[in-house]
């Protein structure tokens, strides 16, 4: 059986790499924190890994725009390695700042030309949103197989409003079932602020590429691995897993079954 190996890719300003690594390790993978300079220089090789994870944080201080500098590094310095990684059937996940990086590099919604046609911009509220949100699974994705109807995860971002270049891009996301999560109320119905914390188009909280193997999401699944992390569950002795754990478990399971 393949031992899933995860590259937790970081740069200056990344600050959720340890939590993301821990989530994968609990799910049964071997996770290693790798600085992007190590891949660019050739000191480390992306081919050595089965999963590429871009964690949350504020890469390069969010200069220019959130995730933009990191995205340019991927696009202009690692494009060939990333195309091969994807062609080989491997997995990519980007969380919060990682999602911003994926859309601004063109890895999401996807395409060999790495062209950006979606973005994550300043929240409609004009402020940093730090709260828990309900999410409704709404698409096909290797990372979300078997998830229950509604899950509960935290968000923490200032630029999380998902937008598309035009209506055609949005239409393709719908037709191809690339919308993975939508913000909703506790009853599962789509609603506005604060349930939709940033004003995202169509309440979109996460998308995947057409292969279903590249996932980007604004909420933080690594912050709800155990049920004791739930804000309304103060039983710190609980051994139950939280809603975010299944995402990491699915990634590990996919590698074991397909690679």
C-alpha atoms as a PDB file:
ATOM      1  CA  UNK A   1       0.000   0.000   0.000  1.00  0.00           C
ATOM      2  CA  UNK A   2       1.254   3.471  -0.926  1.00  0.00           C
ATOM      3  CA  UNK A   3       2.247   5.672   2.007  1.00  0.00           C
ATOM      4  CA  UNK A   4       0.727   9.073   1.109  1.00  0.00           C
ATOM      5  CA  UNK A   5       3.317  11.849   1.194  1.00  0.00           C
ATOM      6  CA  UNK A   6       2.174  15.443   1.490  1.00  0.00           C
ATOM      7  CA  UNK A   7       4.138  18.561   0.569  1.00  0.00           C
ATOM      8  CA  UNK A   8       2.991  21.412   2.819  1.00  0.00           C
ATOM      9  CA  UNK A   9       4.252  24.297   0.697  1.00  0.00           C
ATOM     10  CA  UNK A  10       5.098  27.477   2.590  1.00  0.00           C
ATOM     11  CA  UNK A  11       6.694  30.860   2.106  1.00  0.00           C
ATOM     12  CA  UNK A  12       7.271  33.980   4.163  1.00  0.00           C
ATOM     13  CA  UNK A  13       3.994  34.741   5.920  1.00  0.00           C
ATOM     14  CA  UNK A  14       2.477  31.260   5.818  1.00  0.00           C
ATOM     15  CA  UNK A  15       1.128  30.535   9.295  1.00  0.00           C
ATOM     16  CA  UNK A  16      -1.158  27.474   9.124  1.00  0.00           C
ATOM     17  CA  UNK A  17       1.395  24.963   7.875  1.00  0.00           C
ATOM     18  CA  UNK A  18       1.812  23.095  11.168  1.00  0.00           C
ATOM     19  CA  UNK A  19      -1.934  22.683  11.694  1.00  0.00           C
ATOM     20  CA  UNK A  20      -2.354  21.453   8.114  1.00  0.00           C
ATOM     21  CA  UNK A  21       0.533  19.008   8.490  1.00  0.00           C
ATOM     22  CA  UNK A  22      -0.966  17.706  11.746  1.00  0.00           C
ATOM     23  CA  UNK A  23      -4.352  17.157  10.068  1.00  0.00           C
ATOM     24  CA  UNK A  24      -2.793  15.055   7.315  1.00  0.00           C
ATOM     25  CA  UNK A  25      -0.676  13.098   9.793  1.00  0.00           C
ATOM     26  CA  UNK A  26      -3.734  12.287  11.906  1.00  0.00           C
ATOM     27  CA  UNK A  27      -5.429  11.118   8.694  1.00  0.00           C
ATOM     28  CA  UNK A  28      -2.567   8.705   8.051  1.00  0.00           C
ATOM     29  CA  UNK A  29      -0.176  10.569   5.733  1.00  0.00           C
ATOM     30  CA  UNK A  30       3.430  11.651   6.046  1.00  0.00           C
ATOM     31  CA  UNK A  31       3.481  15.450   5.854  1.00  0.00           C
ATOM     32  CA  UNK A  32       6.561  17.576   5.293  1.00  0.00           C
ATOM     33  CA  UNK A  33       6.849  21.349   5.389  1.00  0.00           C
ATOM     34  CA  UNK A  34       8.720  22.541   2.289  1.00  0.00           C
ATOM     35  CA  UNK A  35       9.727  26.124   1.515  1.00  0.00           C
ATOM     36  CA  UNK A  36       8.904  27.162  -2.039  1.00  0.00           C
ATOM     37  CA  UNK A  37      12.538  28.141  -2.602  1.00  0.00           C
ATOM     38  CA  UNK A  38      13.494  24.474  -2.164  1.00  0.00           C
ATOM     39  CA  UNK A  39      11.287  23.512  -5.110  1.00  0.00           C
ATOM     40  CA  UNK A  40      12.407  26.420  -7.269  1.00  0.00           C
ATOM     41  CA  UNK A  41      16.090  25.634  -6.675  1.00  0.00           C
ATOM     42  CA  UNK A  42      15.605  21.907  -7.302  1.00  0.00           C
ATOM     43  CA  UNK A  43      16.711  21.002  -3.788  1.00  0.00           C
ATOM     44  CA  UNK A  44      13.344  19.252  -3.429  1.00  0.00           C
ATOM     45  CA  UNK A  45      11.221  17.712  -6.192  1.00  0.00           C
ATOM     46  CA  UNK A  46       7.441  17.846  -6.347  1.00  0.00           C
ATOM     47  CA  UNK A  47       7.412  14.357  -7.893  1.00  0.00           C
ATOM     48  CA  UNK A  48       8.425  12.954  -4.484  1.00  0.00           C
ATOM     49  CA  UNK A  49       4.938  13.738  -3.136  1.00  0.00           C
ATOM     50  CA  UNK A  50       1.371  12.582  -3.779  1.00  0.00           C
ATOM     51  CA  UNK A  51      -0.430  15.624  -2.368  1.00  0.00           C
ATOM     52  CA  UNK A  52       0.434  19.314  -2.574  1.00  0.00           C
ATOM     53  CA  UNK A  53      -1.125  21.427   0.182  1.00  0.00           C
ATOM     54  CA  UNK A  54      -1.125  25.227   0.190  1.00  0.00           C
ATOM     55  CA  UNK A  55      -2.063  26.258   3.741  1.00  0.00           C
ATOM     56  CA  UNK A  56      -3.583  29.447   5.072  1.00  0.00           C
ATOM     57  CA  UNK A  57      -1.728  32.518   6.209  1.00  0.00           C
ATOM     58  CA  UNK A  58      -0.598  35.760   4.686  1.00  0.00           C
ATOM     59  CA  UNK A  59       2.062  34.791   2.162  1.00  0.00           C
ATOM     60  CA  UNK A  60       4.450  37.676   1.541  1.00  0.00           C
ATOM     61  CA  UNK A  61       2.286  39.869   3.754  1.00  0.00           C
ATOM     62  CA  UNK A  62      -0.496  39.842   1.120  1.00  0.00           C
ATOM     63  CA  UNK A  63       1.420  42.531  -0.785  1.00  0.00           C
ATOM     64  CA  UNK A  64      -0.257  43.545  -4.078  1.00  0.00           C
ATOM     65  CA  UNK A  65      -3.222  41.267  -3.239  1.00  0.00           C
ATOM     66  CA  UNK A  66      -3.762  38.168  -1.131  1.00  0.00           C
ATOM     67  CA  UNK A  67      -1.737  35.261  -2.476  1.00  0.00           C
ATOM     68  CA  UNK A  68      -0.681  37.075  -5.665  1.00  0.00           C
ATOM     69  CA  UNK A  69       3.104  36.918  -5.237  1.00  0.00           C
ATOM     70  CA  UNK A  70       3.032  33.242  -4.261  1.00  0.00           C
ATOM     71  CA  UNK A  71       0.704  32.581  -7.221  1.00  0.00           C
ATOM     72  CA  UNK A  72       3.156  34.223  -9.609  1.00  0.00           C
ATOM     73  CA  UNK A  73       5.952  32.038  -8.265  1.00  0.00           C
ATOM     74  CA  UNK A  74       3.916  28.927  -9.005  1.00  0.00           C
ATOM     75  CA  UNK A  75       2.903  30.148 -12.435  1.00  0.00           C
ATOM     76  CA  UNK A  76       6.276  31.377 -13.661  1.00  0.00           C
ATOM     77  CA  UNK A  77       8.749  29.160 -11.780  1.00  0.00           C
ATOM     78  CA  UNK A  78       6.989  25.834 -11.215  1.00  0.00           C
ATOM     79  CA  UNK A  79       4.423  25.570 -14.024  1.00  0.00           C
ATOM     80  CA  UNK A  80       5.976  22.519 -15.714  1.00  0.00           C
ATOM     81  CA  UNK A  81       6.339  20.628 -12.439  1.00  0.00           C
ATOM     82  CA  UNK A  82       2.729  21.423 -11.507  1.00  0.00           C
ATOM     83  CA  UNK A  83       1.383  20.337 -14.905  1.00  0.00           C
ATOM     84  CA  UNK A  84       3.186  17.003 -14.551  1.00  0.00           C
ATOM     85  CA  UNK A  85       1.946  16.631 -10.969  1.00  0.00           C
ATOM     86  CA  UNK A  86      -1.647  17.085 -12.145  1.00  0.00           C
ATOM     87  CA  UNK A  87      -1.199  14.852 -15.206  1.00  0.00           C
ATOM     88  CA  UNK A  88       0.079  12.092 -12.922  1.00  0.00           C
ATOM     89  CA  UNK A  89      -3.289  12.083 -11.137  1.00  0.00           C
ATOM     90  CA  UNK A  90      -2.096  13.613  -7.894  1.00  0.00           C
ATOM     91  CA  UNK A  91      -3.986  15.895  -5.505  1.00  0.00           C
ATOM     92  CA  UNK A  92      -3.794  19.593  -4.618  1.00  0.00           C
ATOM     93  CA  UNK A  93      -5.604  21.457  -1.843  1.00  0.00           C
ATOM     94  CA  UNK A  94      -5.477  25.179  -1.072  1.00  0.00           C
ATOM     95  CA  UNK A  95      -6.979  26.528   2.150  1.00  0.00           C
ATOM     96  CA  UNK A  96      -7.806  30.233   2.619  1.00  0.00           C
ATOM     97  CA  UNK A  97      -4.611  31.938   1.415  1.00  0.00           C
ATOM     98  CA  UNK A  98      -3.941  28.705  -0.434  1.00  0.00           C
ATOM     99  CA  UNK A  99      -7.274  29.084  -2.258  1.00  0.00           C
ATOM    100  CA  UNK A 100      -6.314  32.652  -3.184  1.00  0.00           C
ATOM    101  CA  UNK A 101      -3.038  31.322  -4.550  1.00  0.00           C
ATOM    102  CA  UNK A 102      -4.739  28.621  -6.614  1.00  0.00           C
ATOM    103  CA  UNK A 103      -7.185  30.985  -8.329  1.00  0.00           C
ATOM    104  CA  UNK A 104      -4.593  33.695  -8.958  1.00  0.00           C
ATOM    105  CA  UNK A 105      -2.149  31.202 -10.444  1.00  0.00           C
ATOM    106  CA  UNK A 106      -4.851  29.817 -12.743  1.00  0.00           C
ATOM    107  CA  UNK A 107      -4.664  26.322 -11.229  1.00  0.00           C
ATOM    108  CA  UNK A 108      -8.336  26.852 -10.395  1.00  0.00           C
ATOM    109  CA  UNK A 109     -10.808  26.563 -11.999  1.00  0.00           C
ATOM    110  CA  UNK A 110      -8.121  24.832 -14.102  1.00  0.00           C
ATOM    111  CA  UNK A 111      -6.516  24.705 -17.514  1.00  0.00           C
ATOM    112  CA  UNK A 112      -3.064  23.979 -18.921  1.00  0.00           C
ATOM    113  CA  UNK A 113      -2.596  27.653 -19.839  1.00  0.00           C
ATOM    114  CA  UNK A 114      -2.829  28.678 -16.159  1.00  0.00           C
ATOM    115  CA  UNK A 115      -5.040  31.650 -16.947  1.00  0.00           C
ATOM    116  CA  UNK A 116      -6.775  33.490 -14.117  1.00  0.00           C
ATOM    117  CA  UNK A 117     -10.514  33.953 -14.610  1.00  0.00           C
ATOM    118  CA  UNK A 118     -11.756  33.929 -11.012  1.00  0.00           C
ATOM    119  CA  UNK A 119     -10.593  35.749  -7.905  1.00  0.00           C
ATOM    120  CA  UNK A 120     -11.085  36.302  -4.192  1.00  0.00           C
ATOM    121  CA  UNK A 121     -11.482  39.961  -3.316  1.00  0.00           C
ATOM    122  CA  UNK A 122     -12.174  42.194  -0.296  1.00  0.00           C
ATOM    123  CA  UNK A 123     -15.164  41.112   1.805  1.00  0.00           C
ATOM    124  CA  UNK A 124     -18.364  43.089   1.291  1.00  0.00           C
ATOM    125  CA  UNK A 125     -18.273  43.938   4.998  1.00  0.00           C
ATOM    126  CA  UNK A 126     -14.973  45.745   4.447  1.00  0.00           C
ATOM    127  CA  UNK A 127     -13.446  44.006   7.443  1.00  0.00           C
ATOM    128  CA  UNK A 128     -11.666  40.829   8.475  1.00  0.00           C
ATOM    129  CA  UNK A 129     -14.261  38.104   9.103  1.00  0.00           C
ATOM    130  CA  UNK A 130     -13.400  35.641  11.873  1.00  0.00           C
ATOM    131  CA  UNK A 131     -16.395  33.374  12.533  1.00  0.00           C
ATOM    132  CA  UNK A 132     -17.800  29.870  12.104  1.00  0.00           C
ATOM    133  CA  UNK A 133     -19.954  29.125   9.069  1.00  0.00           C
ATOM    134  CA  UNK A 134     -22.250  26.397   7.788  1.00  0.00           C
ATOM    135  CA  UNK A 135     -21.343  24.844   4.447  1.00  0.00           C
ATOM    136  CA  UNK A 136     -23.470  22.908   2.008  1.00  0.00           C
ATOM    137  CA  UNK A 137     -21.680  20.401  -0.244  1.00  0.00           C
ATOM    138  CA  UNK A 138     -22.819  21.050  -3.798  1.00  0.00           C
ATOM    139  CA  UNK A 139     -20.485  19.364  -6.269  1.00  0.00           C
ATOM    140  CA  UNK A 140     -18.350  16.349  -7.112  1.00  0.00           C
ATOM    141  CA  UNK A 141     -14.872  16.340  -5.624  1.00  0.00           C
ATOM    142  CA  UNK A 142     -12.358  13.684  -4.607  1.00  0.00           C
ATOM    143  CA  UNK A 143     -11.793  15.582  -1.370  1.00  0.00           C
ATOM    144  CA  UNK A 144     -15.432  15.627  -0.214  1.00  0.00           C
ATOM    145  CA  UNK A 145     -16.647  12.103  -0.845  1.00  0.00           C
ATOM    146  CA  UNK A 146     -19.223  10.961   1.714  1.00  0.00           C
ATOM    147  CA  UNK A 147     -19.479  14.280   3.572  1.00  0.00           C
ATOM    148  CA  UNK A 148     -22.682  14.795   5.506  1.00  0.00           C
ATOM    149  CA  UNK A 149     -25.290  17.242   4.270  1.00  0.00           C
ATOM    150  CA  UNK A 150     -24.127  20.316   6.253  1.00  0.00           C
ATOM    151  CA  UNK A 151     -20.728  20.879   7.867  1.00  0.00           C
ATOM    152  CA  UNK A 152     -19.459  23.569  10.216  1.00  0.00           C
ATOM    153  CA  UNK A 153     -16.016  25.186   9.802  1.00  0.00           C
ATOM    154  CA  UNK A 154     -14.319  28.458  10.794  1.00  0.00           C
ATOM    155  CA  UNK A 155     -13.329  31.245   8.410  1.00  0.00           C
ATOM    156  CA  UNK A 156     -10.718  33.939   9.004  1.00  0.00           C
ATOM    157  CA  UNK A 157     -10.070  36.241   6.046  1.00  0.00           C
ATOM    158  CA  UNK A 158     -10.269  39.765   4.740  1.00  0.00           C
ATOM    159  CA  UNK A 159     -10.343  38.903   1.031  1.00  0.00           C
ATOM    160  CA  UNK A 160     -12.684  35.955   0.646  1.00  0.00           C
ATOM    161  CA  UNK A 161     -15.370  37.157  -1.752  1.00  0.00           C
ATOM    162  CA  UNK A 162     -15.377  34.740  -4.678  1.00  0.00           C
ATOM    163  CA  UNK A 163     -15.992  36.365  -8.066  1.00  0.00           C
ATOM    164  CA  UNK A 164     -15.754  35.228 -11.677  1.00  0.00           C
ATOM    165  CA  UNK A 165     -14.476  37.097 -14.704  1.00  0.00           C
ATOM    166  CA  UNK A 166     -17.884  36.864 -16.360  1.00  0.00           C
ATOM    167  CA  UNK A 167     -21.132  34.894 -16.401  1.00  0.00           C
ATOM    168  CA  UNK A 168     -19.704  32.304 -18.785  1.00  0.00           C
ATOM    169  CA  UNK A 169     -17.060  31.275 -16.244  1.00  0.00           C
ATOM    170  CA  UNK A 170     -19.712  30.978 -13.542  1.00  0.00           C
ATOM    171  CA  UNK A 171     -21.934  28.953 -15.864  1.00  0.00           C
ATOM    172  CA  UNK A 172     -19.112  26.506 -16.616  1.00  0.00           C
ATOM    173  CA  UNK A 173     -18.475  26.025 -12.893  1.00  0.00           C
ATOM    174  CA  UNK A 174     -22.118  25.080 -12.453  1.00  0.00           C
ATOM    175  CA  UNK A 175     -22.380  22.832 -15.505  1.00  0.00           C
ATOM    176  CA  UNK A 176     -19.161  20.987 -14.640  1.00  0.00           C
ATOM    177  CA  UNK A 177     -20.191  20.675 -10.970  1.00  0.00           C
ATOM    178  CA  UNK A 178     -17.038  22.460  -9.823  1.00  0.00           C
ATOM    179  CA  UNK A 179     -18.772  24.367  -7.022  1.00  0.00           C
ATOM    180  CA  UNK A 180     -17.869  22.223  -4.008  1.00  0.00           C
ATOM    181  CA  UNK A 181     -19.229  24.178  -1.014  1.00  0.00           C
ATOM    182  CA  UNK A 182     -21.682  27.040  -0.605  1.00  0.00           C
ATOM    183  CA  UNK A 183     -22.179  29.151   2.510  1.00  0.00           C
ATOM    184  CA  UNK A 184     -25.586  28.534   4.059  1.00  0.00           C
ATOM    185  CA  UNK A 185     -27.635  28.812   7.231  1.00  0.00           C
ATOM    186  CA  UNK A 186     -28.007  26.059   9.823  1.00  0.00           C
ATOM    187  CA  UNK A 187     -31.065  24.865   7.892  1.00  0.00           C
ATOM    188  CA  UNK A 188     -29.046  24.422   4.684  1.00  0.00           C
ATOM    189  CA  UNK A 189     -30.695  27.320   2.886  1.00  0.00           C
ATOM    190  CA  UNK A 190     -28.490  29.837   1.089  1.00  0.00           C
ATOM    191  CA  UNK A 191     -28.613  33.208   2.808  1.00  0.00           C
ATOM    192  CA  UNK A 192     -26.753  36.497   3.104  1.00  0.00           C
ATOM    193  CA  UNK A 193     -24.449  37.992   5.705  1.00  0.00           C
ATOM    194  CA  UNK A 194     -23.304  36.751   8.177  1.00  0.00           C
ATOM    195  CA  UNK A 195     -23.995  33.219   6.896  1.00  0.00           C
ATOM    196  CA  UNK A 196     -22.233  34.267   3.707  1.00  0.00           C
ATOM    197  CA  UNK A 197     -19.387  36.097   5.491  1.00  0.00           C
ATOM    198  CA  UNK A 198     -17.870  37.841   2.478  1.00  0.00           C
ATOM    199  CA  UNK A 199     -20.584  38.292  -0.160  1.00  0.00           C
ATOM    200  CA  UNK A 200     -19.292  35.564  -2.476  1.00  0.00           C
ATOM    201  CA  UNK A 201     -21.089  35.132  -5.784  1.00  0.00           C
ATOM    202  CA  UNK A 202     -23.697  32.361  -5.470  1.00  0.00           C
ATOM    203  CA  UNK A 203     -22.475  31.875  -1.852  1.00  0.00           C
ATOM    204  CA  UNK A 204     -19.453  29.997  -3.230  1.00  0.00           C
ATOM    205  CA  UNK A 205     -17.005  28.918  -0.530  1.00  0.00           C
ATOM    206  CA  UNK A 206     -15.008  26.320  -2.491  1.00  0.00           C
ATOM    207  CA  UNK A 207     -14.407  25.112  -6.025  1.00  0.00           C
ATOM    208  CA  UNK A 208     -12.472  22.298  -7.680  1.00  0.00           C
ATOM    209  CA  UNK A 209     -11.008  21.762 -11.133  1.00  0.00           C
ATOM    210  CA  UNK A 210     -12.675  19.532 -13.733  1.00  0.00           C
ATOM    211  CA  UNK A 211     -10.687  16.489 -12.611  1.00  0.00           C
ATOM    212  CA  UNK A 212     -12.132  16.977  -9.089  1.00  0.00           C
ATOM    213  CA  UNK A 213      -8.604  16.530  -7.680  1.00  0.00           C
ATOM    214  CA  UNK A 214      -7.687  20.194  -7.072  1.00  0.00           C
ATOM    215  CA  UNK A 215      -9.698  21.797  -4.276  1.00  0.00           C
ATOM    216  CA  UNK A 216      -9.649  25.378  -3.052  1.00  0.00           C
ATOM    217  CA  UNK A 217     -11.716  26.528  -0.080  1.00  0.00           C
ATOM    218  CA  UNK A 218     -11.830  29.608   2.130  1.00  0.00           C
ATOM    219  CA  UNK A 219     -12.953  27.895   5.380  1.00  0.00           C
ATOM    220  CA  UNK A 220     -10.327  26.131   7.501  1.00  0.00           C
ATOM    221  CA  UNK A 221     -10.933  22.349   7.818  1.00  0.00           C
ATOM    222  CA  UNK A 222      -7.643  21.955   9.708  1.00  0.00           C
ATOM    223  CA  UNK A 223      -9.176  23.962  12.567  1.00  0.00           C
ATOM    224  CA  UNK A 224     -11.987  21.462  13.084  1.00  0.00           C
ATOM    225  CA  UNK A 225     -10.262  18.093  13.167  1.00  0.00           C
ATOM    226  CA  UNK A 226     -11.679  17.101  16.556  1.00  0.00           C
ATOM    227  CA  UNK A 227     -15.190  17.758  17.836  1.00  0.00           C
ATOM    228  CA  UNK A 228     -13.703  19.467  20.903  1.00  0.00           C
ATOM    229  CA  UNK A 229     -12.666  22.332  18.606  1.00  0.00           C
ATOM    230  CA  UNK A 230     -16.340  23.095  17.938  1.00  0.00           C
ATOM    231  CA  UNK A 231     -17.243  26.411  19.666  1.00  0.00           C
ATOM    232  CA  UNK A 232     -20.349  24.855  21.228  1.00  0.00           C
ATOM    233  CA  UNK A 233     -18.683  21.648  22.344  1.00  0.00           C
ATOM    234  CA  UNK A 234     -16.628  22.098  25.490  1.00  0.00           C
ATOM    235  CA  UNK A 235     -16.089  18.382  26.156  1.00  0.00           C
ATOM    236  CA  UNK A 236     -12.332  18.484  25.739  1.00  0.00           C
ATOM    237  CA  UNK A 237     -12.115  14.740  26.428  1.00  0.00           C
ATOM    238  CA  UNK A 238     -14.141  13.944  23.325  1.00  0.00           C
ATOM    239  CA  UNK A 239     -12.414  11.557  20.931  1.00  0.00           C
ATOM    240  CA  UNK A 240     -14.792  12.262  18.062  1.00  0.00           C
ATOM    241  CA  UNK A 241     -13.533  13.820  14.860  1.00  0.00           C
ATOM    242  CA  UNK A 242     -14.694  17.232  13.700  1.00  0.00           C
ATOM    243  CA  UNK A 243     -16.267  18.126  10.363  1.00  0.00           C
ATOM    244  CA  UNK A 244     -12.973  19.085   8.741  1.00  0.00           C
ATOM    245  CA  UNK A 245     -11.274  15.740   9.298  1.00  0.00           C
ATOM    246  CA  UNK A 246     -13.127  13.929   6.498  1.00  0.00           C
ATOM    247  CA  UNK A 247     -11.545  16.215   3.886  1.00  0.00           C
ATOM    248  CA  UNK A 248      -8.023  15.156   4.861  1.00  0.00           C
ATOM    249  CA  UNK A 249      -9.078  11.526   5.256  1.00  0.00           C
ATOM    250  CA  UNK A 250     -10.523  11.578   1.745  1.00  0.00           C
ATOM    251  CA  UNK A 251      -7.248  12.891   0.338  1.00  0.00           C
ATOM    252  CA  UNK A 252      -5.274  10.133   2.024  1.00  0.00           C
ATOM    253  CA  UNK A 253      -7.783   7.478   0.919  1.00  0.00           C
ATOM    254  CA  UNK A 254      -7.650   8.699  -2.687  1.00  0.00           C
ATOM    255  CA  UNK A 255      -3.871   8.304  -2.803  1.00  0.00           C
ATOM    256  CA  UNK A 256      -4.014   4.804  -1.342  1.00  0.00           C
ATOM    257  CA  UNK A 257      -6.708   3.684  -3.788  1.00  0.00           C
ATOM    258  CA  UNK A 258      -5.493   5.377  -6.968  1.00  0.00           C
ATOM    259  CA  UNK A 259      -1.743   6.067  -6.875  1.00  0.00           C
END
